[in-house]
């Protein structure tokens, strides 16, 4: 038991997040999945990023942009109806293919973006987009496919005079947070949600104290780093 606890502390970078994760798992088990803790860290990643500009393109790797309500829905791990709704709502998908085979996607939201795990809306500063649902097919996760996909997205956004991409990552996903930080992303805030059935208790440090609601979708305004 002690060895498992120490391993969790190492995985999550300390005992506070490890303890929170254990509490989350315990609540899920006791409630049959109806109660969960959702802890987010918000990141802002600069566009025209030197770390991405230096990545050499691969002739076998092609990244295309899928946008518009009538576009063919790209592959992905989400339900087809959910992906179609994203396109109909004005989101765009950057699809990576290696030698003609699907390899991954990055979705971008233009303007305010509604979270799909909890009830909140992200409001972004000018010249910013929301990136989410970054996915790489299993067979391409050990190579440089993700880096090349991000480099193509970065180049596309720079040409459109976009300065920042914002995203949220669960504190329970330290691997993804590490990848973003290695790409130059900076932490710009946090949010905490305790969900039990249709009720949500939300807290955004520095913005508002704990709020309990059953239907409200509060707005979280994000700001670019200084």
Foldseek 3Di string as FASTA:
>chain_A
DVVVQVVLQVVLVHNVVSVLVVVQVVVCVVQVNQKGKFKKWKKKFWFVFPVLLPDDDDPQKDKDKFAALPTDQDDDDDDSVVSSVCRVVTKMKIWMDGNNHTFWIKIKADAWDADDPAFAIEGEDPLEIEIDDTDTPVVPPVDCRSSNSVSVVSVVSVVVSRTIYMYMDTSSCVVVVVVRVVSPMDTFFMKMWIGGHQKIWIQTPPPDGTDIDRDDRYYDYTYDDD
